[in-house]
C-alpha atoms as a PDB file:
ATOM      1  CA  MET A   1      -2.335  31.065   7.085  1.00  0.00           C
ATOM      2  CA  LYS A   2      -5.901  29.786   7.545  1.00  0.00           C
ATOM      3  CA  THR A   3      -7.091  32.504   5.183  1.00  0.00           C
ATOM      4  CA  GLU A   4      -4.566  31.415   2.554  1.00  0.00           C
ATOM      5  CA  ILE A   5      -5.609  27.773   2.874  1.00  0.00           C
ATOM      6  CA  THR A   6      -9.292  28.646   2.667  1.00  0.00           C
ATOM      7  CA  GLN A   7      -8.848  30.848  -0.387  1.00  0.00           C
ATOM      8  CA  TYR A   8      -6.671  28.261  -2.102  1.00  0.00           C
ATOM      9  CA  TYR A   9      -9.245  25.484  -1.746  1.00  0.00           C
ATOM     10  CA  ASP A  10     -12.213  27.754  -2.467  1.00  0.00           C
ATOM     11  CA  LYS A  11     -10.688  28.411  -5.886  1.00  0.00           C
ATOM     12  CA  LEU A  12     -10.005  24.724  -6.541  1.00  0.00           C
ATOM     13  CA  ALA A  13     -13.326  23.319  -5.362  1.00  0.00           C
ATOM     14  CA  LEU A  14     -15.211  22.987  -8.653  1.00  0.00           C
ATOM     15  CA  LYS A  15     -12.325  21.334 -10.498  1.00  0.00           C
ATOM     16  CA  TYR A  16     -10.624  19.601  -7.574  1.00  0.00           C
ATOM     17  CA  ASP A  17     -11.897  16.065  -8.268  1.00  0.00           C
ATOM     18  CA  LYS A  18     -11.030  16.238 -11.958  1.00  0.00           C
ATOM     19  CA  ASP A  19      -7.640  17.885 -11.543  1.00  0.00           C
ATOM     20  CA  ARG A  20      -6.417  15.847  -8.585  1.00  0.00           C
ATOM     21  CA  PHE A  21      -7.962  12.399  -8.914  1.00  0.00           C
ATOM     22  CA  ALA A  22      -9.226  11.840 -12.463  1.00  0.00           C
ATOM     23  CA  ASN A  23      -5.749  10.814 -13.602  1.00  0.00           C
ATOM     24  CA  SER A  24      -3.315   7.956 -13.048  1.00  0.00           C
ATOM     25  CA  TYR A  25      -1.391   9.767 -10.298  1.00  0.00           C
ATOM     26  CA  GLY A  26      -4.540  10.648  -8.363  1.00  0.00           C
ATOM     27  CA  ASN A  27      -6.012   7.163  -8.780  1.00  0.00           C
ATOM     28  CA  TYR A  28      -2.776   5.678  -7.461  1.00  0.00           C
ATOM     29  CA  ILE A  29      -2.938   7.721  -4.241  1.00  0.00           C
ATOM     30  CA  ASP A  30      -6.705   7.337  -3.918  1.00  0.00           C
ATOM     31  CA  ASN A  31      -6.454   3.546  -4.048  1.00  0.00           C
ATOM     32  CA  GLN A  32      -3.773   3.450  -1.365  1.00  0.00           C
ATOM     33  CA  GLU A  33      -5.612   5.779   0.998  1.00  0.00           C
ATOM     34  CA  LYS A  34      -8.970   4.040   0.631  1.00  0.00           C
ATOM     35  CA  SER A  35      -7.369   0.651   1.217  1.00  0.00           C
ATOM     36  CA  ILE A  36      -6.283   1.847   4.672  1.00  0.00           C
ATOM     37  CA  LEU A  37      -9.726   3.221   5.534  1.00  0.00           C
ATOM     38  CA  LYS A  38     -11.279  -0.032   4.353  1.00  0.00           C
ATOM     39  CA  LYS A  39      -8.972  -1.937   6.671  1.00  0.00           C
ATOM     40  CA  TYR A  40     -10.129  -0.091   9.799  1.00  0.00           C
ATOM     41  CA  LEU A  41     -13.616   1.245   9.042  1.00  0.00           C
ATOM     42  CA  ASN A  42     -16.890  -0.374   8.033  1.00  0.00           C
ATOM     43  CA  LYS A  43     -18.756   1.344   5.166  1.00  0.00           C
ATOM     44  CA  ASN A  44     -21.983  -0.104   6.567  1.00  0.00           C
ATOM     45  CA  ASP A  45     -21.478   1.555   9.972  1.00  0.00           C
ATOM     46  CA  THR A  46     -20.797   5.239   9.342  1.00  0.00           C
ATOM     47  CA  THR A  47     -23.372   7.003  11.508  1.00  0.00           C
ATOM     48  CA  LYS A  48     -20.859   8.153  14.132  1.00  0.00           C
ATOM     49  CA  ASN A  49     -17.815   8.722  11.913  1.00  0.00           C
ATOM     50  CA  LEU A  50     -16.405  12.179  11.124  1.00  0.00           C
ATOM     51  CA  ASP A  51     -14.271  13.237   8.139  1.00  0.00           C
ATOM     52  CA  ILE A  52     -12.266  16.363   9.049  1.00  0.00           C
ATOM     53  CA  ALA A  53     -11.204  18.409   6.015  1.00  0.00           C
ATOM     54  CA  CYS A  54     -13.709  16.392   3.997  1.00  0.00           C
ATOM     55  CA  GLY A  55     -13.160  18.542   0.899  1.00  0.00           C
ATOM     56  CA  THR A  56     -15.360  17.408  -1.965  1.00  0.00           C
ATOM     57  CA  GLY A  57     -16.365  14.244  -0.125  1.00  0.00           C
ATOM     58  CA  ARG A  58     -13.866  11.734  -1.485  1.00  0.00           C
ATOM     59  CA  PHE A  59     -14.059   9.662   1.722  1.00  0.00           C
ATOM     60  CA  LEU A  60     -17.624  10.359   2.819  1.00  0.00           C
ATOM     61  CA  LYS A  61     -18.682   6.798   2.074  1.00  0.00           C
ATOM     62  CA  TYR A  62     -16.936   6.071   5.383  1.00  0.00           C
ATOM     63  CA  ALA A  63     -18.577   8.859   7.440  1.00  0.00           C
ATOM     64  CA  ASP A  64     -21.969  10.479   7.886  1.00  0.00           C
ATOM     65  CA  TYR A  65     -20.372  13.697   9.160  1.00  0.00           C
ATOM     66  CA  GLY A  66     -17.955  15.988   7.375  1.00  0.00           C
ATOM     67  CA  ILE A  67     -16.379  19.348   8.150  1.00  0.00           C
ATOM     68  CA  ASP A  68     -14.135  21.597   6.082  1.00  0.00           C
ATOM     69  CA  ILE A  69     -12.816  25.142   6.347  1.00  0.00           C
ATOM     70  CA  SER A  70     -13.606  25.880   2.681  1.00  0.00           C
ATOM     71  CA  GLN A  71     -17.157  27.011   1.955  1.00  0.00           C
ATOM     72  CA  GLU A  72     -16.835  26.064  -1.703  1.00  0.00           C
ATOM     73  CA  MET A  73     -15.556  22.571  -0.914  1.00  0.00           C
ATOM     74  CA  VAL A  74     -18.469  22.062   1.468  1.00  0.00           C
ATOM     75  CA  ALA A  75     -20.896  23.146  -1.257  1.00  0.00           C
ATOM     76  CA  VAL A  76     -19.507  20.514  -3.627  1.00  0.00           C
ATOM     77  CA  SER A  77     -19.613  17.720  -1.046  1.00  0.00           C
ATOM     78  CA  LYS A  78     -23.161  18.652   0.003  1.00  0.00           C
ATOM     79  CA  ASN A  79     -24.256  18.430  -3.618  1.00  0.00           C
ATOM     80  CA  LYS A  80     -22.709  14.954  -3.890  1.00  0.00           C
ATOM     81  CA  PHE A  81     -23.974  13.744  -0.511  1.00  0.00           C
ATOM     82  CA  PRO A  82     -27.182  15.669   0.308  1.00  0.00           C
ATOM     83  CA  THR A  83     -28.134  13.363   3.201  1.00  0.00           C
ATOM     84  CA  LYS A  84     -24.805  13.704   5.040  1.00  0.00           C
ATOM     85  CA  ASN A  85     -24.175  16.143   7.903  1.00  0.00           C
ATOM     86  CA  ILE A  86     -21.583  18.407   6.291  1.00  0.00           C
ATOM     87  CA  SER A  87     -20.625  21.789   7.729  1.00  0.00           C
ATOM     88  CA  ILE A  88     -18.045  24.570   7.586  1.00  0.00           C
ATOM     89  CA  GLY A  89     -15.601  24.477  10.460  1.00  0.00           C
ATOM     90  CA  ASP A  90     -12.078  24.338  11.824  1.00  0.00           C
ATOM     91  CA  ILE A  91     -10.226  21.345  13.287  1.00  0.00           C
ATOM     92  CA  GLU A  92      -9.001  23.537  16.158  1.00  0.00           C
ATOM     93  CA  TYR A  93     -12.584  24.322  17.239  1.00  0.00           C
ATOM     94  CA  LEU A  94     -14.741  21.287  16.518  1.00  0.00           C
ATOM     95  CA  PRO A  95     -18.466  22.056  17.083  1.00  0.00           C
ATOM     96  CA  TYR A  96     -19.485  18.651  18.428  1.00  0.00           C
ATOM     97  CA  GLU A  97     -20.432  17.188  21.788  1.00  0.00           C
ATOM     98  CA  LYS A  98     -17.885  15.381  23.924  1.00  0.00           C
ATOM     99  CA  ALA A  99     -17.285  11.764  22.812  1.00  0.00           C
ATOM    100  CA  PHE A 100     -19.910  12.137  20.068  1.00  0.00           C
ATOM    101  CA  PHE A 101     -18.014  10.148  17.419  1.00  0.00           C
ATOM    102  CA  LYS A 102     -16.928   6.549  17.230  1.00  0.00           C
ATOM    103  CA  ASN A 103     -14.175   7.234  14.680  1.00  0.00           C
ATOM    104  CA  VAL A 104     -12.578  10.299  13.098  1.00  0.00           C
ATOM    105  CA  PHE A 105     -10.288  10.561  10.086  1.00  0.00           C
ATOM    106  CA  SER A 106      -8.565  13.329   8.183  1.00  0.00           C
ATOM    107  CA  PHE A 107      -6.510  13.288   4.989  1.00  0.00           C
ATOM    108  CA  HIS A 108      -4.374  15.938   3.300  1.00  0.00           C
ATOM    109  CA  LEU A 109      -4.789  18.407   6.165  1.00  0.00           C
ATOM    110  CA  PHE A 110      -1.956  17.989   8.669  1.00  0.00           C
ATOM    111  CA  MET A 111       0.618  18.579   5.940  1.00  0.00           C
ATOM    112  CA  HIS A 112      -0.668  22.168   5.596  1.00  0.00           C
ATOM    113  CA  LEU A 113      -0.581  23.051   9.300  1.00  0.00           C
ATOM    114  CA  GLU A 114       2.213  24.292  11.519  1.00  0.00           C
ATOM    115  CA  PHE A 115       4.005  21.804  13.752  1.00  0.00           C
ATOM    116  CA  LYS A 116       3.239  23.909  16.843  1.00  0.00           C
ATOM    117  CA  GLN A 117      -0.503  23.466  16.251  1.00  0.00           C
ATOM    118  CA  LEU A 118      -0.452  19.685  16.365  1.00  0.00           C
ATOM    119  CA  LYS A 119      -0.476  18.939  20.102  1.00  0.00           C
ATOM    120  CA  ASN A 120      -3.569  21.081  20.712  1.00  0.00           C
ATOM    121  CA  ILE A 121      -5.260  19.582  17.660  1.00  0.00           C
ATOM    122  CA  PHE A 122      -4.758  16.034  18.928  1.00  0.00           C
ATOM    123  CA  LYS A 123      -6.320  17.136  22.228  1.00  0.00           C
ATOM    124  CA  GLU A 124      -9.246  18.801  20.424  1.00  0.00           C
ATOM    125  CA  VAL A 125      -9.984  15.695  18.368  1.00  0.00           C
ATOM    126  CA  SER A 126      -9.726  13.505  21.476  1.00  0.00           C
ATOM    127  CA  GLU A 127     -12.586  15.471  23.021  1.00  0.00           C
ATOM    128  CA  VAL A 128     -15.086  14.413  20.356  1.00  0.00           C
ATOM    129  CA  VAL A 129     -14.045  10.739  20.087  1.00  0.00           C
ATOM    130  CA  GLU A 130     -15.365   8.036  22.397  1.00  0.00           C
ATOM    131  CA  LYS A 131     -13.035   5.798  24.410  1.00  0.00           C
ATOM    132  CA  ASN A 132     -11.296   3.245  22.155  1.00  0.00           C
ATOM    133  CA  GLY A 133     -12.438   5.173  19.074  1.00  0.00           C
ATOM    134  CA  LEU A 134      -9.985   5.618  16.196  1.00  0.00           C
ATOM    135  CA  PHE A 135      -8.342   8.669  14.685  1.00  0.00           C
ATOM    136  CA  ILE A 136      -6.809   8.002  11.264  1.00  0.00           C
ATOM    137  CA  PHE A 137      -4.806  10.704   9.493  1.00  0.00           C
ATOM    138  CA  ASP A 138      -1.878  11.233   7.141  1.00  0.00           C
ATOM    139  CA  ILE A 139       1.163  13.487   7.232  1.00  0.00           C
ATOM    140  CA  PRO A 140       4.405  13.629   5.229  1.00  0.00           C
ATOM    141  CA  SER A 141       7.274  11.502   6.541  1.00  0.00           C
ATOM    142  CA  LYS A 142      10.013  13.603   8.095  1.00  0.00           C
ATOM    143  CA  ARG A 143      12.401  10.675   7.819  1.00  0.00           C
ATOM    144  CA  ARG A 144      11.860  10.504   4.030  1.00  0.00           C
ATOM    145  CA  ARG A 145      12.225  14.262   3.660  1.00  0.00           C
ATOM    146  CA  THR A 146      15.411  14.320   5.717  1.00  0.00           C
ATOM    147  CA  PHE A 147      16.869  11.554   3.536  1.00  0.00           C
ATOM    148  CA  THR A 148      15.903  13.259   0.268  1.00  0.00           C
ATOM    149  CA  LYS A 149      16.693  16.761   1.631  1.00  0.00           C
ATOM    150  CA  TYR A 150      13.254  17.937   0.528  1.00  0.00           C
ATOM    151  CA  LYS A 151      12.076  21.287   1.860  1.00  0.00           C
ATOM    152  CA  ALA A 152       8.638  22.690   1.124  1.00  0.00           C
ATOM    153  CA  SER A 153       8.640  26.214  -0.276  1.00  0.00           C
ATOM    154  CA  SER A 154       5.387  27.308   1.418  1.00  0.00           C
ATOM    155  CA  TRP A 155       2.612  26.203   3.773  1.00  0.00           C
ATOM    156  CA  HIS A 156       1.337  23.846   1.062  1.00  0.00           C
ATOM    157  CA  GLY A 157       2.563  20.446   2.204  1.00  0.00           C
ATOM    158  CA  GLY A 158       5.074  22.134   4.477  1.00  0.00           C
ATOM    159  CA  ASN A 159       4.542  20.147   7.674  1.00  0.00           C
ATOM    160  CA  GLN A 160       5.989  16.739   8.563  1.00  0.00           C
ATOM    161  CA  VAL A 161       6.733  14.547  11.603  1.00  0.00           C
ATOM    162  CA  ASN A 162       8.717  11.448  12.431  1.00  0.00           C
ATOM    163  CA  LEU A 163       7.499   8.541  14.527  1.00  0.00           C
ATOM    164  CA  THR A 164       9.153   9.720  17.746  1.00  0.00           C
ATOM    165  CA  GLU A 165       7.635  13.182  17.442  1.00  0.00           C
ATOM    166  CA  LEU A 166       4.222  11.718  16.683  1.00  0.00           C
ATOM    167  CA  LYS A 167       4.311   9.580  19.821  1.00  0.00           C
ATOM    168  CA  ASP A 168       5.321  12.572  21.940  1.00  0.00           C
ATOM    169  CA  LEU A 169       2.514  14.694  20.515  1.00  0.00           C
ATOM    170  CA  THR A 170      -0.227  12.117  20.991  1.00  0.00           C
ATOM    171  CA  SER A 171       0.690  10.051  24.065  1.00  0.00           C
ATOM    172  CA  GLU A 172      -1.453  12.024  26.528  1.00  0.00           C
ATOM    173  CA  HIS A 173      -4.755  11.113  24.869  1.00  0.00           C
ATOM    174  CA  TRP A 174      -4.002   8.421  22.308  1.00  0.00           C
ATOM    175  CA  ASP A 175      -2.353   5.056  21.830  1.00  0.00           C
ATOM    176  CA  LEU A 176      -0.625   4.349  18.521  1.00  0.00           C
ATOM    177  CA  VAL A 177      -2.288   1.305  16.941  1.00  0.00           C
ATOM    178  CA  ALA A 178      -0.436   1.157  13.631  1.00  0.00           C
ATOM    179  CA  PHE A 179       1.050   3.205  10.822  1.00  0.00           C
ATOM    180  CA  HIS A 180       1.202   2.612   7.086  1.00  0.00           C
ATOM    181  CA  GLY A 181       3.224   4.171   4.306  1.00  0.00           C
ATOM    182  CA  ILE A 182       1.798   5.811   1.191  1.00  0.00           C
ATOM    183  CA  GLY A 183       3.826   6.418  -1.943  1.00  0.00           C
ATOM    184  CA  PHE A 184       7.036   4.550  -1.223  1.00  0.00           C
ATOM    185  CA  LEU A 185       7.883   4.592  -4.923  1.00  0.00           C
ATOM    186  CA  PRO A 186       8.403   7.944  -6.705  1.00  0.00           C
ATOM    187  CA  ILE A 187       5.042   7.907  -8.455  1.00  0.00           C
ATOM    188  CA  HIS A 188       5.772  11.005 -10.544  1.00  0.00           C
ATOM    189  CA  LEU A 189       8.732   9.174 -12.127  1.00  0.00           C
ATOM    190  CA  ILE A 190       6.779   6.029 -13.021  1.00  0.00           C
ATOM    191  CA  PRO A 191       5.437   6.108 -16.621  1.00  0.00           C
ATOM    192  CA  LYS A 192       1.686   6.709 -16.618  1.00  0.00           C
ATOM    193  CA  ARG A 193       0.933   3.594 -18.640  1.00  0.00           C
ATOM    194  CA  ILE A 194       2.318   1.273 -15.948  1.00  0.00           C
ATOM    195  CA  ARG A 195       1.415   3.114 -12.732  1.00  0.00           C
ATOM    196  CA  LYS A 196      -1.610   0.950 -11.974  1.00  0.00           C
ATOM    197  CA  TYR A 197       0.561  -2.152 -12.161  1.00  0.00           C
ATOM    198  CA  MET A 198       2.979  -0.762  -9.579  1.00  0.00           C
ATOM    199  CA  ILE A 199       0.435  -0.211  -6.790  1.00  0.00           C
ATOM    200  CA  LEU A 200       0.828  -3.744  -5.454  1.00  0.00           C
ATOM    201  CA  TRP A 201       4.603  -3.350  -5.120  1.00  0.00           C
ATOM    202  CA  ASP A 202       4.189   0.098  -3.608  1.00  0.00           C
ATOM    203  CA  ASN A 203       1.771  -1.285  -1.005  1.00  0.00           C
ATOM    204  CA  VAL A 204       4.210  -4.076  -0.116  1.00  0.00           C
ATOM    205  CA  LEU A 205       7.100  -1.652   0.374  1.00  0.00           C
ATOM    206  CA  SER A 206       4.896   0.884   2.170  1.00  0.00           C
ATOM    207  CA  ASN A 207       4.021  -1.727   4.790  1.00  0.00           C
ATOM    208  CA  SER A 208       7.459  -3.290   5.093  1.00  0.00           C
ATOM    209  CA  ILE A 209      10.176  -2.606   7.670  1.00  0.00           C
ATOM    210  CA  PHE A 210      11.103   0.369   5.469  1.00  0.00           C
ATOM    211  CA  LYS A 211       7.663   2.010   5.628  1.00  0.00           C
ATOM    212  CA  GLU A 212       8.898   5.139   7.423  1.00  0.00           C
ATOM    213  CA  MET A 213      10.689   5.964   4.170  1.00  0.00           C
ATOM    214  CA  SER A 214       7.372   6.323   2.344  1.00  0.00           C
ATOM    215  CA  SER A 215       6.364   9.774   1.143  1.00  0.00           C
ATOM    216  CA  HIS A 216       3.420  10.009   3.553  1.00  0.00           C
ATOM    217  CA  ILE A 217       2.515   8.050   6.660  1.00  0.00           C
ATOM    218  CA  ILE A 218      -1.029   7.176   7.693  1.00  0.00           C
ATOM    219  CA  TYR A 219      -1.244   6.868  11.479  1.00  0.00           C
ATOM    220  CA  VAL A 220      -3.984   4.985  13.318  1.00  0.00           C
ATOM    221  CA  LEU A 221      -4.561   6.130  16.904  1.00  0.00           C
ATOM    222  CA  LYS A 222      -6.923   4.763  19.544  1.00  0.00           C
ATOM    223  CA  ARG A 223      -8.531   7.019  22.155  1.00  0.00           C
ATOM    224  CA  LYS A 224      -7.406   6.193  25.707  1.00  0.00           C
END
C-alpha cells in the first residue's frame, strides 16, 4: 500500500496546491485546520517542530522540519521553503534522535493508513517528542461514518477511529489534551458562493457537544 500512496502523491505533487486548495472547498478546510494549529503552536517558535507527511509544505510555517514519503512532494516543499529541513521518510521509521522535537503534527495521513498500524505509529512518534510535547493529527470520525453508513472504496481515506479507540491506542505514551471537529457541515453541498460565510457556523458546531459527528477529528495529544 505504501507504494500506491507514494505513486499517487508523486503524480499529484506539481498540481496539488492548485487542485486541492486553490478553490472554495480547499480554502474552507485549510482555514479550519490552520486555526487549530494556530491555537496550539507558535509560528515564531518552530525550530523543534516536525510536520509528518508535510506534502507541498502547506503547514511548514509552523515547523522547521518536514518529512514525506513522496519524493515529488518533498521537491515541491523544498522549492517553497529552501531553508527548512525537509526529507524523504516514513512515519513508521522516523530518522530522528530520541526526544528531539518539541511538537509534532500530521494532517491527511492517518486516513490513508491501516488501523493495525496505528498503535506502533503512536509509539514511534512518542520516541522523537520530548516530555509534555504535543502531537496534533487528524483522522476521519468513525462515529460520523457509522451514522452516515459511509464506507471508503479504497485505501484513500479508508481509515477512521472513534474516541474510545483513540484513547486505547494512545494511552501508553500519550495523554489526550483535546479534540476538535473539522467539516461538521456537508461542505460539498453548500453553494460555492456562500461557503466562506459558513465557516464560522461550522467551527461552532465542530467544537460543540456534537463535535464527534464532524467529518474529521483533530486530536491533540501530550507526551507523558
